[in-house]
C-alpha atoms as a PDB file:
ATOM      1  CA  UNK A   1     -34.184 -31.473 -10.939  1.00  0.00           C
ATOM      2  CA  UNK A   2     -32.953 -34.708 -11.941  1.00  0.00           C
ATOM      3  CA  UNK A   3     -30.006 -34.275  -9.642  1.00  0.00           C
ATOM      4  CA  UNK A   4     -32.197 -32.384  -7.197  1.00  0.00           C
ATOM      5  CA  UNK A   5     -34.647 -35.670  -7.165  1.00  0.00           C
ATOM      6  CA  UNK A   6     -31.943 -38.100  -6.468  1.00  0.00           C
ATOM      7  CA  UNK A   7     -29.961 -35.931  -3.820  1.00  0.00           C
ATOM      8  CA  UNK A   8     -34.147 -35.360  -2.380  1.00  0.00           C
ATOM      9  CA  UNK A   9     -34.423 -39.880  -2.580  1.00  0.00           C
ATOM     10  CA  UNK A  10     -30.569 -39.964  -0.195  1.00  0.00           C
ATOM     11  CA  UNK A  11     -31.709 -37.737   2.114  1.00  0.00           C
ATOM     12  CA  UNK A  12     -34.857 -39.156   3.741  1.00  0.00           C
ATOM     13  CA  UNK A  13     -32.881 -42.402   2.820  1.00  0.00           C
ATOM     14  CA  UNK A  14     -30.273 -41.253   5.665  1.00  0.00           C
ATOM     15  CA  UNK A  15     -32.598 -39.894   7.288  1.00  0.00           C
ATOM     16  CA  UNK A  16     -35.071 -43.320   7.739  1.00  0.00           C
ATOM     17  CA  UNK A  17     -31.907 -45.584   8.109  1.00  0.00           C
ATOM     18  CA  UNK A  18     -30.695 -43.151  10.888  1.00  0.00           C
ATOM     19  CA  UNK A  19     -30.048 -45.181  14.124  1.00  0.00           C
ATOM     20  CA  UNK A  20     -32.420 -43.522  16.950  1.00  0.00           C
ATOM     21  CA  UNK A  21     -32.485 -43.012  20.383  1.00  0.00           C
ATOM     22  CA  UNK A  22     -34.631 -45.306  22.042  1.00  0.00           C
ATOM     23  CA  UNK A  23     -35.546 -44.325  25.848  1.00  0.00           C
ATOM     24  CA  UNK A  24     -33.014 -46.817  27.499  1.00  0.00           C
ATOM     25  CA  UNK A  25     -32.608 -47.679  31.135  1.00  0.00           C
ATOM     26  CA  UNK A  26     -28.884 -48.521  32.345  1.00  0.00           C
ATOM     27  CA  UNK A  27     -27.060 -49.201  35.723  1.00  0.00           C
ATOM     28  CA  UNK A  28     -27.941 -51.103  38.730  1.00  0.00           C
ATOM     29  CA  UNK A  29     -31.817 -51.627  38.645  1.00  0.00           C
ATOM     30  CA  UNK A  30     -32.372 -49.523  35.725  1.00  0.00           C
ATOM     31  CA  UNK A  31     -32.021 -46.408  37.862  1.00  0.00           C
ATOM     32  CA  UNK A  32     -30.867 -44.204  34.697  1.00  0.00           C
ATOM     33  CA  UNK A  33     -32.969 -43.905  32.096  1.00  0.00           C
ATOM     34  CA  UNK A  34     -34.908 -42.703  29.225  1.00  0.00           C
ATOM     35  CA  UNK A  35     -32.295 -41.040  25.767  1.00  0.00           C
ATOM     36  CA  UNK A  36     -29.668 -40.468  25.082  1.00  0.00           C
ATOM     37  CA  UNK A  37     -30.136 -36.580  26.173  1.00  0.00           C
ATOM     38  CA  UNK A  38     -32.143 -37.296  28.932  1.00  0.00           C
ATOM     39  CA  UNK A  39     -29.348 -39.626  31.051  1.00  0.00           C
ATOM     40  CA  UNK A  40     -26.581 -36.746  30.016  1.00  0.00           C
ATOM     41  CA  UNK A  41     -29.032 -34.718  32.081  1.00  0.00           C
ATOM     42  CA  UNK A  42     -29.388 -36.809  34.899  1.00  0.00           C
ATOM     43  CA  UNK A  43     -26.334 -37.284  34.985  1.00  0.00           C
ATOM     44  CA  UNK A  44     -25.702 -33.593  34.756  1.00  0.00           C
ATOM     45  CA  UNK A  45     -27.632 -33.186  38.307  1.00  0.00           C
ATOM     46  CA  UNK A  46     -26.453 -35.626  40.157  1.00  0.00           C
ATOM     47  CA  UNK A  47     -23.491 -34.508  39.334  1.00  0.00           C
ATOM     48  CA  UNK A  48     -23.866 -30.686  40.339  1.00  0.00           C
ATOM     49  CA  UNK A  49     -22.722 -27.493  40.084  1.00  0.00           C
ATOM     50  CA  UNK A  50     -20.292 -24.908  41.634  1.00  0.00           C
ATOM     51  CA  UNK A  51     -21.748 -26.375  45.087  1.00  0.00           C
ATOM     52  CA  UNK A  52     -20.855 -29.494  45.141  1.00  0.00           C
ATOM     53  CA  UNK A  53     -17.017 -28.223  43.345  1.00  0.00           C
ATOM     54  CA  UNK A  54     -16.827 -26.151  47.134  1.00  0.00           C
ATOM     55  CA  UNK A  55     -17.302 -29.632  48.955  1.00  0.00           C
ATOM     56  CA  UNK A  56     -14.353 -31.341  47.359  1.00  0.00           C
ATOM     57  CA  UNK A  57     -12.549 -27.460  48.217  1.00  0.00           C
ATOM     58  CA  UNK A  58     -13.650 -27.358  51.300  1.00  0.00           C
ATOM     59  CA  UNK A  59     -11.933 -30.499  52.116  1.00  0.00           C
ATOM     60  CA  UNK A  60      -8.960 -30.168  50.089  1.00  0.00           C
ATOM     61  CA  UNK A  61      -8.687 -26.731  52.416  1.00  0.00           C
ATOM     62  CA  UNK A  62      -8.820 -28.154  55.530  1.00  0.00           C
ATOM     63  CA  UNK A  63      -6.283 -31.377  54.144  1.00  0.00           C
ATOM     64  CA  UNK A  64      -4.070 -28.489  52.720  1.00  0.00           C
ATOM     65  CA  UNK A  65      -3.804 -26.491  56.166  1.00  0.00           C
ATOM     66  CA  UNK A  66      -3.107 -29.423  58.112  1.00  0.00           C
ATOM     67  CA  UNK A  67      -0.768 -30.266  55.544  1.00  0.00           C
ATOM     68  CA  UNK A  68       1.462 -26.788  56.326  1.00  0.00           C
ATOM     69  CA  UNK A  69       1.002 -26.671  59.809  1.00  0.00           C
ATOM     70  CA  UNK A  70       2.308 -30.847  59.957  1.00  0.00           C
ATOM     71  CA  UNK A  71       4.544 -29.273  57.649  1.00  0.00           C
ATOM     72  CA  UNK A  72       4.493 -32.209  55.168  1.00  0.00           C
ATOM     73  CA  UNK A  73       4.793 -30.178  52.160  1.00  0.00           C
ATOM     74  CA  UNK A  74       4.187 -32.646  49.215  1.00  0.00           C
ATOM     75  CA  UNK A  75       1.076 -34.009  50.428  1.00  0.00           C
ATOM     76  CA  UNK A  76      -0.119 -29.743  50.829  1.00  0.00           C
ATOM     77  CA  UNK A  77       1.516 -29.587  46.865  1.00  0.00           C
ATOM     78  CA  UNK A  78      -0.831 -32.413  46.125  1.00  0.00           C
ATOM     79  CA  UNK A  79      -3.936 -30.855  48.426  1.00  0.00           C
ATOM     80  CA  UNK A  80      -3.769 -27.981  46.278  1.00  0.00           C
ATOM     81  CA  UNK A  81      -3.457 -28.954  43.100  1.00  0.00           C
ATOM     82  CA  UNK A  82      -6.474 -31.001  43.823  1.00  0.00           C
ATOM     83  CA  UNK A  83      -8.321 -28.087  44.618  1.00  0.00           C
ATOM     84  CA  UNK A  84      -7.442 -26.082  41.506  1.00  0.00           C
ATOM     85  CA  UNK A  85      -8.657 -28.883  39.049  1.00  0.00           C
ATOM     86  CA  UNK A  86     -12.287 -29.206  41.473  1.00  0.00           C
ATOM     87  CA  UNK A  87     -12.240 -25.298  40.767  1.00  0.00           C
ATOM     88  CA  UNK A  88     -12.069 -25.203  37.575  1.00  0.00           C
ATOM     89  CA  UNK A  89     -14.010 -28.560  36.941  1.00  0.00           C
ATOM     90  CA  UNK A  90     -16.341 -25.940  39.037  1.00  0.00           C
ATOM     91  CA  UNK A  91     -15.857 -22.690  36.697  1.00  0.00           C
ATOM     92  CA  UNK A  92     -16.921 -25.730  33.807  1.00  0.00           C
ATOM     93  CA  UNK A  93     -20.355 -26.134  34.454  1.00  0.00           C
ATOM     94  CA  UNK A  94     -21.050 -23.089  36.094  1.00  0.00           C
ATOM     95  CA  UNK A  95     -18.869 -20.485  33.967  1.00  0.00           C
ATOM     96  CA  UNK A  96     -20.004 -17.367  34.773  1.00  0.00           C
ATOM     97  CA  UNK A  97     -17.888 -17.744  37.835  1.00  0.00           C
ATOM     98  CA  UNK A  98     -15.167 -17.957  36.371  1.00  0.00           C
ATOM     99  CA  UNK A  99     -14.731 -14.142  36.646  1.00  0.00           C
ATOM    100  CA  UNK A 100     -14.739 -13.917  40.353  1.00  0.00           C
ATOM    101  CA  UNK A 101     -12.248 -16.848  40.373  1.00  0.00           C
ATOM    102  CA  UNK A 102      -9.766 -15.798  38.110  1.00  0.00           C
ATOM    103  CA  UNK A 103      -8.252 -13.568  40.558  1.00  0.00           C
ATOM    104  CA  UNK A 104      -8.087 -16.384  42.540  1.00  0.00           C
ATOM    105  CA  UNK A 105      -6.528 -19.039  40.197  1.00  0.00           C
ATOM    106  CA  UNK A 106      -4.388 -16.733  38.740  1.00  0.00           C
ATOM    107  CA  UNK A 107      -2.698 -14.537  41.571  1.00  0.00           C
ATOM    108  CA  UNK A 108      -3.197 -16.744  44.954  1.00  0.00           C
ATOM    109  CA  UNK A 109      -3.173 -20.150  44.065  1.00  0.00           C
ATOM    110  CA  UNK A 110       0.249 -19.997  42.795  1.00  0.00           C
ATOM    111  CA  UNK A 111       1.380 -18.098  45.955  1.00  0.00           C
ATOM    112  CA  UNK A 112      -0.174 -20.294  47.649  1.00  0.00           C
ATOM    113  CA  UNK A 113       2.171 -22.877  46.195  1.00  0.00           C
ATOM    114  CA  UNK A 114       5.257 -21.405  45.821  1.00  0.00           C
ATOM    115  CA  UNK A 115       4.656 -20.869  49.519  1.00  0.00           C
ATOM    116  CA  UNK A 116       4.359 -23.943  50.136  1.00  0.00           C
ATOM    117  CA  UNK A 117       7.924 -24.836  47.305  1.00  0.00           C
ATOM    118  CA  UNK A 118       9.596 -23.635  50.241  1.00  0.00           C
ATOM    119  CA  UNK A 119       8.711 -25.379  52.016  1.00  0.00           C
ATOM    120  CA  UNK A 120       9.194 -23.206  55.117  1.00  0.00           C
ATOM    121  CA  UNK A 121       6.100 -22.943  58.062  1.00  0.00           C
ATOM    122  CA  UNK A 122       5.646 -19.660  58.978  1.00  0.00           C
ATOM    123  CA  UNK A 123       5.883 -18.797  54.832  1.00  0.00           C
ATOM    124  CA  UNK A 124       3.232 -20.941  54.482  1.00  0.00           C
ATOM    125  CA  UNK A 125       1.560 -19.458  57.208  1.00  0.00           C
ATOM    126  CA  UNK A 126       1.497 -15.982  55.949  1.00  0.00           C
ATOM    127  CA  UNK A 127       0.078 -17.250  52.640  1.00  0.00           C
ATOM    128  CA  UNK A 128      -2.319 -18.736  54.267  1.00  0.00           C
ATOM    129  CA  UNK A 129      -4.170 -16.206  55.989  1.00  0.00           C
ATOM    130  CA  UNK A 130      -3.716 -14.855  53.031  1.00  0.00           C
ATOM    131  CA  UNK A 131      -5.221 -17.789  51.205  1.00  0.00           C
ATOM    132  CA  UNK A 132      -8.178 -17.704  53.048  1.00  0.00           C
ATOM    133  CA  UNK A 133      -8.934 -13.968  53.215  1.00  0.00           C
ATOM    134  CA  UNK A 134      -9.299 -14.802  48.856  1.00  0.00           C
ATOM    135  CA  UNK A 135     -11.054 -17.475  48.952  1.00  0.00           C
ATOM    136  CA  UNK A 136     -13.774 -15.099  51.500  1.00  0.00           C
ATOM    137  CA  UNK A 137     -13.518 -12.000  49.261  1.00  0.00           C
ATOM    138  CA  UNK A 138     -14.629 -14.239  46.307  1.00  0.00           C
ATOM    139  CA  UNK A 139     -17.454 -15.196  48.242  1.00  0.00           C
ATOM    140  CA  UNK A 140     -18.471 -11.732  48.167  1.00  0.00           C
ATOM    141  CA  UNK A 141     -17.837 -11.516  44.629  1.00  0.00           C
ATOM    142  CA  UNK A 142     -20.558 -14.115  44.500  1.00  0.00           C
ATOM    143  CA  UNK A 143     -22.688 -12.484  46.526  1.00  0.00           C
ATOM    144  CA  UNK A 144     -22.558 -15.484  48.967  1.00  0.00           C
ATOM    145  CA  UNK A 145     -20.575 -13.068  51.873  1.00  0.00           C
ATOM    146  CA  UNK A 146     -22.915 -15.557  54.632  1.00  0.00           C
ATOM    147  CA  UNK A 147     -20.357 -18.321  53.400  1.00  0.00           C
ATOM    148  CA  UNK A 148     -16.892 -17.636  55.640  1.00  0.00           C
ATOM    149  CA  UNK A 149     -14.398 -19.507  55.400  1.00  0.00           C
ATOM    150  CA  UNK A 150     -11.255 -19.225  58.150  1.00  0.00           C
ATOM    151  CA  UNK A 151      -8.508 -21.522  59.766  1.00  0.00           C
ATOM    152  CA  UNK A 152      -9.434 -24.939  60.233  1.00  0.00           C
ATOM    153  CA  UNK A 153      -9.891 -25.224  64.450  1.00  0.00           C
ATOM    154  CA  UNK A 154     -10.448 -29.556  63.787  1.00  0.00           C
ATOM    155  CA  UNK A 155      -8.610 -31.926  61.219  1.00  0.00           C
ATOM    156  CA  UNK A 156     -11.813 -33.896  59.227  1.00  0.00           C
ATOM    157  CA  UNK A 157      -8.902 -36.675  58.389  1.00  0.00           C
ATOM    158  CA  UNK A 158      -6.471 -38.247  59.209  1.00  0.00           C
ATOM    159  CA  UNK A 159      -4.599 -38.968  56.149  1.00  0.00           C
ATOM    160  CA  UNK A 160      -1.864 -36.735  55.676  1.00  0.00           C
ATOM    161  CA  UNK A 161      -0.622 -36.679  58.886  1.00  0.00           C
ATOM    162  CA  UNK A 162       2.789 -38.207  59.579  1.00  0.00           C
ATOM    163  CA  UNK A 163       3.048 -40.065  62.665  1.00  0.00           C
END
């Protein structure tokens, strides 16, 4: 009985001495406020889900295309790597999307990597056409087939352009 009483007293003491999570404000002008959990929820909202990841993927897709057209193979490899990272981040935030992207990540991305490594424009152009088709297949699997990916017409940046 003594052991139970001492254990209960120690548990109560630990609970009473445990640090609380007070509401605080941080950031410029205290824009991020609340408990730690509330702050994490706010940051999670700001980071967003898969749509935000796809915004970066879209940029990288455009840059990848023009890098291949310019035969700037190192830049193309860089863009593919960054695209893969953005997709992985998106799948982490929205795990239900990962099943649709599995083929893309395990087959399509390595095929594009091989085309880039070949440093052959014809290989790249063929791989890019398949890459684009697979983007659209993934969108269909996710029931967003109204989002159609097409080969870029205009550069969205002059970064990577070799002159």
